[in-house]
Amino acid sequence: MTSVEPDVEADFEPTVEGAAPETAAAGATGHRAVDAALKSLENAAELPVGEQIAAYEAAHRTLRETLSTIDDA
């Protein structure tokens, strides 16, 4: 039995709906708080494990607070 690989272009990059192409390609959302939280998650990998937990919790809190403002808009 052989495995079937999906036909996906090697340079495929998902885009963020509504974002300018250069913003989406850079991985940014266009929302400062969300972008900062995502960047902190990238940086957390370099931290000691004990500090990673705090970074993940802070990012989660920021994302949760940001999402909660959607209903307020």
Foldseek 3Di string as FASTA:
>chain_A
DDDDDDPDDPPDADAAPPDDVVCRVVVHNPDVLLRVLVVLLVVLVVPPPVVSVVSPVVSVVSVVVVVVCVVVD
